[in-house]
Amino acid sequence: MSAASAESRARRGAHRPVARPVRLSRQALHDLPATVMVGMIRVYQVVVSPMTGPTCKYYPSCSHYAVTAIRTHGALRGTGLALWRILRCNPWSLGGVDDVPPARPRANRSEQRAAADHETPDAHAHQH
């Protein structure tokens, strides 16, 4: 290595710290869609909702219902529940109190595999 190349590297900042990529945990990646959706709903609540005034027939409001549903059931099922709620909010509905249903108990994957392993082989036999 020549002195000139070492000198030019020093001028370019060869000893600067290298930026490392941010590593997200598996749980953070799993929660990311729900977090983004809740953020979008919060923007709606702060920007758009004050301009329309209190118009919801249900309690809690549709946007609060959506946030609760997404936090309780996750992005996919929570969005489905929120969309179903919005479809029910129409001039012909009576309104009232409509809480988010409780989350279903989730079976552990190892429990599901163990249950599948203990099934009898005849249970899946095809009849001709």
N, C-alpha and C. Protein backbone atom coordinates (compact mmCIF):
# COMPACT_ATOMS: atom_id res chain seq x y z
N MET A 1 0.85 -1.16 0.00
CA MET A 1 0.00 0.00 0.00
C MET A 1 0.90 1.22 0.00
N SER A 2 0.62 2.13 -0.90
CA SER A 2 1.45 3.31 -1.00
C SER A 2 0.97 4.38 -0.04
N ALA A 3 1.82 5.31 0.25
CA ALA A 3 1.49 6.42 1.16
C ALA A 3 0.44 7.31 0.54
N ALA A 4 0.44 7.44 -0.78
CA ALA A 4 -0.53 8.30 -1.45
C ALA A 4 -1.93 7.73 -1.33
N SER A 5 -2.08 6.40 -1.48
CA SER A 5 -3.41 5.81 -1.38
C SER A 5 -3.92 5.87 0.05
N ALA A 6 -3.05 5.68 1.03
CA ALA A 6 -3.46 5.80 2.43
C ALA A 6 -3.87 7.23 2.75
N GLU A 7 -3.14 8.18 2.19
CA GLU A 7 -3.46 9.60 2.42
C GLU A 7 -4.80 9.95 1.78
N SER A 8 -5.07 9.45 0.56
CA SER A 8 -6.33 9.77 -0.11
C SER A 8 -7.51 9.12 0.61
N ARG A 9 -7.30 7.91 1.15
CA ARG A 9 -8.35 7.26 1.92
C ARG A 9 -8.66 8.04 3.19
N ALA A 10 -7.65 8.56 3.83
CA ALA A 10 -7.83 9.33 5.05
C ALA A 10 -8.62 10.61 4.76
N ARG A 11 -8.35 11.22 3.61
CA ARG A 11 -9.09 12.43 3.24
C ARG A 11 -10.56 12.13 2.95
N ARG A 12 -10.85 10.96 2.40
CA ARG A 12 -12.23 10.60 2.08
C ARG A 12 -13.00 10.16 3.31
N GLY A 13 -12.35 9.96 4.40
CA GLY A 13 -13.03 9.55 5.62
C GLY A 13 -13.20 8.05 5.71
N ALA A 14 -12.15 7.31 5.47
CA ALA A 14 -12.22 5.86 5.48
C ALA A 14 -12.51 5.31 6.87
N HIS A 15 -12.33 6.10 7.90
CA HIS A 15 -12.53 5.62 9.27
C HIS A 15 -13.88 6.05 9.84
N ARG A 16 -14.77 6.50 8.98
CA ARG A 16 -16.12 6.85 9.45
C ARG A 16 -16.86 5.59 9.85
N PRO A 17 -17.72 5.70 10.87
CA PRO A 17 -18.50 4.51 11.25
C PRO A 17 -19.48 4.13 10.13
N VAL A 18 -19.64 2.86 9.94
CA VAL A 18 -20.52 2.34 8.90
C VAL A 18 -21.93 2.26 9.47
N ALA A 19 -22.92 2.78 8.71
CA ALA A 19 -24.32 2.70 9.14
C ALA A 19 -24.79 1.26 9.01
N ARG A 20 -25.36 0.75 10.07
CA ARG A 20 -25.86 -0.63 10.07
C ARG A 20 -27.36 -0.62 9.84
N PRO A 21 -27.87 -1.62 9.13
CA PRO A 21 -29.32 -1.67 8.90
C PRO A 21 -30.06 -1.91 10.21
N VAL A 22 -31.25 -1.33 10.29
CA VAL A 22 -32.08 -1.51 11.47
C VAL A 22 -32.70 -2.90 11.41
N ARG A 23 -32.60 -3.64 12.48
CA ARG A 23 -33.18 -4.98 12.53
C ARG A 23 -34.44 -4.92 13.38
N LEU A 24 -35.54 -5.32 12.79
CA LEU A 24 -36.81 -5.35 13.51
C LEU A 24 -37.05 -6.76 14.02
N SER A 25 -37.62 -6.85 15.18
CA SER A 25 -37.94 -8.17 15.71
C SER A 25 -39.08 -8.78 14.91
N ARG A 26 -39.25 -10.04 15.06
CA ARG A 26 -40.33 -10.75 14.36
C ARG A 26 -41.69 -10.20 14.78
N GLN A 27 -41.84 -9.90 16.08
CA GLN A 27 -43.10 -9.36 16.58
C GLN A 27 -43.36 -7.97 16.00
N ALA A 28 -42.31 -7.15 15.88
CA ALA A 28 -42.48 -5.81 15.31
C ALA A 28 -42.93 -5.90 13.85
N LEU A 29 -42.36 -6.84 13.10
CA LEU A 29 -42.79 -7.02 11.71
C LEU A 29 -44.23 -7.52 11.63
N HIS A 30 -44.60 -8.38 12.58
CA HIS A 30 -45.96 -8.90 12.63
C HIS A 30 -46.96 -7.78 12.94
N ASP A 31 -46.59 -6.85 13.82
CA ASP A 31 -47.47 -5.78 14.24
C ASP A 31 -47.46 -4.57 13.30
N LEU A 32 -46.53 -4.53 12.35
CA LEU A 32 -46.39 -3.37 11.48
C LEU A 32 -47.66 -3.02 10.68
N PRO A 33 -48.32 -3.96 10.01
CA PRO A 33 -49.54 -3.58 9.28
C PRO A 33 -50.61 -2.99 10.19
N ALA A 34 -50.80 -3.56 11.36
CA ALA A 34 -51.81 -3.03 12.28
C ALA A 34 -51.43 -1.64 12.75
N THR A 35 -50.16 -1.42 13.02
CA THR A 35 -49.70 -0.11 13.47
C THR A 35 -49.91 0.94 12.39
N VAL A 36 -49.62 0.61 11.15
CA VAL A 36 -49.81 1.54 10.03
C VAL A 36 -51.30 1.86 9.87
N MET A 37 -52.14 0.84 9.95
CA MET A 37 -53.58 1.06 9.78
C MET A 37 -54.15 1.92 10.91
N VAL A 38 -53.73 1.65 12.15
CA VAL A 38 -54.20 2.46 13.28
C VAL A 38 -53.73 3.90 13.10
N GLY A 39 -52.51 4.09 12.60
CA GLY A 39 -52.01 5.44 12.34
C GLY A 39 -52.85 6.17 11.31
N MET A 40 -53.25 5.47 10.26
CA MET A 40 -54.10 6.10 9.23
C MET A 40 -55.47 6.48 9.81
N ILE A 41 -56.02 5.63 10.65
CA ILE A 41 -57.31 5.93 11.26
C ILE A 41 -57.17 7.12 12.21
N ARG A 42 -56.07 7.19 12.95
CA ARG A 42 -55.85 8.32 13.85
C ARG A 42 -55.75 9.63 13.07
N VAL A 43 -55.09 9.61 11.91
CA VAL A 43 -55.03 10.82 11.06
C VAL A 43 -56.44 11.22 10.65
N TYR A 44 -57.26 10.25 10.24
CA TYR A 44 -58.65 10.53 9.90
C TYR A 44 -59.38 11.17 11.08
N GLN A 45 -59.18 10.62 12.29
CA GLN A 45 -59.87 11.13 13.47
C GLN A 45 -59.47 12.57 13.78
N VAL A 46 -58.22 12.91 13.53
CA VAL A 46 -57.74 14.26 13.86
C VAL A 46 -58.06 15.26 12.75
N VAL A 47 -57.99 14.84 11.49
CA VAL A 47 -58.12 15.78 10.37
C VAL A 47 -59.54 15.83 9.82
N VAL A 48 -60.13 14.71 9.48
CA VAL A 48 -61.41 14.68 8.77
C VAL A 48 -62.60 14.69 9.73
N SER A 49 -62.56 13.87 10.75
CA SER A 49 -63.70 13.70 11.64
C SER A 49 -64.18 15.00 12.29
N PRO A 50 -63.30 15.91 12.73
CA PRO A 50 -63.80 17.16 13.32
C PRO A 50 -64.61 18.01 12.33
N MET A 51 -64.36 17.86 11.03
CA MET A 51 -65.09 18.64 10.04
C MET A 51 -66.51 18.12 9.82
N THR A 52 -66.75 16.85 10.11
CA THR A 52 -68.07 16.27 9.86
C THR A 52 -68.98 16.32 11.07
N GLY A 53 -68.41 16.49 12.25
CA GLY A 53 -69.24 16.53 13.45
C GLY A 53 -69.67 15.14 13.88
N PRO A 54 -70.38 15.03 15.01
CA PRO A 54 -70.82 13.72 15.49
C PRO A 54 -71.99 13.18 14.65
N THR A 55 -71.72 12.22 13.81
CA THR A 55 -72.76 11.69 12.92
C THR A 55 -73.00 10.19 13.10
N CYS A 56 -72.20 9.54 13.92
CA CYS A 56 -72.30 8.09 14.04
C CYS A 56 -73.51 7.68 14.88
N LYS A 57 -74.24 6.65 14.41
CA LYS A 57 -75.40 6.13 15.14
C LYS A 57 -75.01 5.13 16.20
N TYR A 58 -73.79 4.64 16.10
CA TYR A 58 -73.33 3.61 17.02
C TYR A 58 -72.39 4.19 18.07
N TYR A 59 -72.28 3.45 19.17
CA TYR A 59 -71.26 3.77 20.16
C TYR A 59 -70.45 2.50 20.36
N PRO A 60 -69.16 2.53 20.29
CA PRO A 60 -68.28 3.65 19.94
C PRO A 60 -68.39 3.98 18.45
N SER A 61 -67.84 5.12 18.06
CA SER A 61 -67.90 5.53 16.66
C SER A 61 -67.18 4.50 15.79
N CYS A 62 -67.45 4.56 14.51
CA CYS A 62 -66.88 3.56 13.59
C CYS A 62 -65.35 3.60 13.60
N SER A 63 -64.76 4.79 13.69
CA SER A 63 -63.29 4.85 13.69
C SER A 63 -62.72 4.29 14.99
N HIS A 64 -63.36 4.56 16.12
CA HIS A 64 -62.90 3.97 17.39
C HIS A 64 -63.09 2.45 17.37
N TYR A 65 -64.19 2.01 16.80
CA TYR A 65 -64.44 0.57 16.66
C TYR A 65 -63.33 -0.07 15.83
N ALA A 66 -62.95 0.59 14.73
CA ALA A 66 -61.91 0.05 13.85
C ALA A 66 -60.58 -0.07 14.58
N VAL A 67 -60.20 0.96 15.34
CA VAL A 67 -58.94 0.91 16.08
C VAL A 67 -58.97 -0.23 17.09
N THR A 68 -60.06 -0.37 17.82
CA THR A 68 -60.17 -1.43 18.82
C THR A 68 -60.14 -2.80 18.16
N ALA A 69 -60.86 -2.94 17.04
CA ALA A 69 -60.91 -4.23 16.33
C ALA A 69 -59.53 -4.63 15.81
N ILE A 70 -58.80 -3.68 15.26
CA ILE A 70 -57.47 -3.98 14.73
C ILE A 70 -56.51 -4.33 15.85
N ARG A 71 -56.59 -3.62 16.96
CA ARG A 71 -55.70 -3.92 18.09
C ARG A 71 -56.07 -5.26 18.75
N THR A 72 -57.33 -5.62 18.75
CA THR A 72 -57.77 -6.86 19.39
C THR A 72 -57.55 -8.07 18.50
N HIS A 73 -57.89 -7.95 17.21
CA HIS A 73 -57.91 -9.11 16.32
C HIS A 73 -56.80 -9.11 15.27
N GLY A 74 -56.01 -8.04 15.18
CA GLY A 74 -54.97 -7.97 14.16
C GLY A 74 -55.48 -7.26 12.92
N ALA A 75 -54.56 -7.02 11.99
CA ALA A 75 -54.87 -6.21 10.81
C ALA A 75 -55.94 -6.83 9.92
N LEU A 76 -55.84 -8.11 9.63
CA LEU A 76 -56.76 -8.73 8.67
C LEU A 76 -58.18 -8.86 9.22
N ARG A 77 -58.33 -9.57 10.32
CA ARG A 77 -59.67 -9.77 10.88
C ARG A 77 -60.25 -8.46 11.42
N GLY A 78 -59.41 -7.61 12.02
CA GLY A 78 -59.87 -6.32 12.53
C GLY A 78 -60.40 -5.43 11.42
N THR A 79 -59.73 -5.44 10.27
CA THR A 79 -60.21 -4.65 9.13
C THR A 79 -61.53 -5.21 8.62
N GLY A 80 -61.66 -6.52 8.59
CA GLY A 80 -62.93 -7.13 8.17
C GLY A 80 -64.07 -6.74 9.10
N LEU A 81 -63.83 -6.77 10.41
CA LEU A 81 -64.86 -6.36 11.37
C LEU A 81 -65.21 -4.89 11.20
N ALA A 82 -64.20 -4.05 10.98
CA ALA A 82 -64.45 -2.62 10.80
C ALA A 82 -65.26 -2.35 9.53
N LEU A 83 -64.92 -3.05 8.45
CA LEU A 83 -65.69 -2.87 7.21
C LEU A 83 -67.13 -3.33 7.37
N TRP A 84 -67.34 -4.45 8.07
CA TRP A 84 -68.70 -4.94 8.33
C TRP A 84 -69.48 -3.91 9.15
N ARG A 85 -68.82 -3.30 10.11
CA ARG A 85 -69.46 -2.27 10.93
C ARG A 85 -69.85 -1.06 10.08
N ILE A 86 -68.95 -0.63 9.19
CA ILE A 86 -69.25 0.52 8.31
C ILE A 86 -70.42 0.19 7.39
N LEU A 87 -70.48 -1.04 6.90
CA LEU A 87 -71.61 -1.44 6.05
C LEU A 87 -72.93 -1.43 6.82
N ARG A 88 -72.87 -1.74 8.11
CA ARG A 88 -74.08 -1.74 8.93
C ARG A 88 -74.52 -0.33 9.31
N CYS A 89 -73.64 0.63 9.20
CA CYS A 89 -73.96 2.01 9.57
C CYS A 89 -74.63 2.68 8.37
N ASN A 90 -75.94 2.58 8.31
CA ASN A 90 -76.70 3.12 7.18
C ASN A 90 -78.00 3.73 7.71
N PRO A 91 -78.74 4.41 6.88
CA PRO A 91 -79.97 5.08 7.36
C PRO A 91 -81.02 4.13 7.92
N TRP A 92 -80.98 2.84 7.57
CA TRP A 92 -82.00 1.90 8.02
C TRP A 92 -81.62 1.16 9.30
N SER A 93 -80.41 1.36 9.79
CA SER A 93 -80.00 0.68 11.02
C SER A 93 -80.47 1.49 12.23
N LEU A 94 -80.69 0.80 13.33
CA LEU A 94 -81.15 1.47 14.54
C LEU A 94 -80.00 2.05 15.34
N GLY A 95 -78.78 1.58 15.12
CA GLY A 95 -77.63 2.07 15.87
C GLY A 95 -77.59 1.46 17.25
N GLY A 96 -76.95 2.15 18.19
CA GLY A 96 -76.85 1.67 19.56
C GLY A 96 -75.43 1.29 19.93
N VAL A 97 -75.30 0.56 21.01
CA VAL A 97 -73.99 0.12 21.48
C VAL A 97 -73.58 -1.12 20.72
N ASP A 98 -72.38 -1.08 20.15
CA ASP A 98 -71.87 -2.19 19.36
C ASP A 98 -70.39 -2.35 19.68
N ASP A 99 -70.08 -3.22 20.60
CA ASP A 99 -68.69 -3.43 21.00
C ASP A 99 -68.01 -4.45 20.11
N VAL A 100 -66.71 -4.37 20.05
CA VAL A 100 -65.90 -5.33 19.29
C VAL A 100 -66.00 -6.68 19.99
N PRO A 101 -66.24 -7.76 19.24
CA PRO A 101 -66.29 -9.08 19.88
C PRO A 101 -64.93 -9.45 20.47
N PRO A 102 -64.92 -10.24 21.53
CA PRO A 102 -63.64 -10.62 22.13
C PRO A 102 -62.83 -11.50 21.19
N ALA A 103 -61.53 -11.48 21.38
CA ALA A 103 -60.64 -12.29 20.54
C ALA A 103 -60.85 -13.77 20.84
N ARG A 104 -60.77 -14.58 19.81
CA ARG A 104 -60.88 -16.02 19.98
C ARG A 104 -59.59 -16.54 20.60
N PRO A 105 -59.69 -17.56 21.43
CA PRO A 105 -58.45 -18.14 21.95
C PRO A 105 -57.69 -18.82 20.81
N ARG A 106 -56.40 -18.58 20.77
CA ARG A 106 -55.58 -19.13 19.70
C ARG A 106 -54.87 -20.38 20.19
N ALA A 107 -54.98 -21.43 19.40
CA ALA A 107 -54.29 -22.68 19.75
C ALA A 107 -52.82 -22.55 19.38
N ASN A 108 -51.98 -23.11 20.20
CA ASN A 108 -50.55 -23.12 19.96
C ASN A 108 -50.26 -24.03 18.77
N ARG A 109 -49.32 -23.64 17.91
CA ARG A 109 -49.02 -24.45 16.73
C ARG A 109 -48.56 -25.86 17.11
N SER A 110 -47.81 -25.97 18.19
CA SER A 110 -47.36 -27.30 18.59
C SER A 110 -48.54 -28.14 19.05
N GLU A 111 -49.54 -27.52 19.68
CA GLU A 111 -50.75 -28.25 20.07
C GLU A 111 -51.52 -28.71 18.85
N GLN A 112 -51.58 -27.88 17.80
CA GLN A 112 -52.27 -28.25 16.58
C GLN A 112 -51.58 -29.43 15.91
N ARG A 113 -50.24 -29.39 15.87
CA ARG A 113 -49.50 -30.50 15.27
C ARG A 113 -49.70 -31.80 16.06
N ALA A 114 -49.69 -31.69 17.38
CA ALA A 114 -49.87 -32.87 18.21
C ALA A 114 -51.26 -33.46 18.01
N ALA A 115 -52.26 -32.62 17.88
CA ALA A 115 -53.62 -33.11 17.64
C ALA A 115 -53.72 -33.79 16.28
N ALA A 116 -53.02 -33.24 15.27
CA ALA A 116 -53.04 -33.84 13.94
C ALA A 116 -52.32 -35.18 13.93
N ASP A 117 -51.27 -35.31 14.74
CA ASP A 117 -50.51 -36.56 14.79
C ASP A 117 -51.30 -37.68 15.46
N HIS A 118 -52.23 -37.34 16.34
CA HIS A 118 -52.98 -38.36 17.08
C HIS A 118 -54.25 -38.80 16.38
N GLU A 119 -54.54 -38.23 15.19
CA GLU A 119 -55.71 -38.67 14.45
C GLU A 119 -55.48 -40.08 13.94
N THR A 120 -56.56 -40.83 13.82
CA THR A 120 -56.44 -42.20 13.31
C THR A 120 -56.23 -42.16 11.81
N PRO A 121 -55.47 -43.09 11.26
CA PRO A 121 -55.23 -43.09 9.81
C PRO A 121 -56.51 -43.36 9.03
N ASP A 122 -57.48 -44.07 9.63
CA ASP A 122 -58.73 -44.36 8.92
C ASP A 122 -59.60 -43.13 8.74
N ALA A 123 -59.35 -42.11 9.53
CA ALA A 123 -60.18 -40.91 9.45
C ALA A 123 -60.04 -40.21 8.11
N HIS A 124 -58.87 -40.39 7.46
CA HIS A 124 -58.65 -39.72 6.18
C HIS A 124 -58.71 -40.68 5.01
N ALA A 125 -59.12 -41.91 5.22
CA ALA A 125 -59.19 -42.88 4.14
C ALA A 125 -60.33 -42.51 3.19
N HIS A 126 -60.09 -42.68 1.92
CA HIS A 126 -61.11 -42.37 0.92
C HIS A 126 -62.02 -43.56 0.73
N GLN A 127 -63.29 -43.31 0.62
CA GLN A 127 -64.24 -44.39 0.37
C GLN A 127 -64.58 -44.39 -1.12
N HIS A 128 -64.61 -45.55 -1.70
CA HIS A 128 -64.93 -45.64 -3.13
C HIS A 128 -66.24 -46.31 -3.32
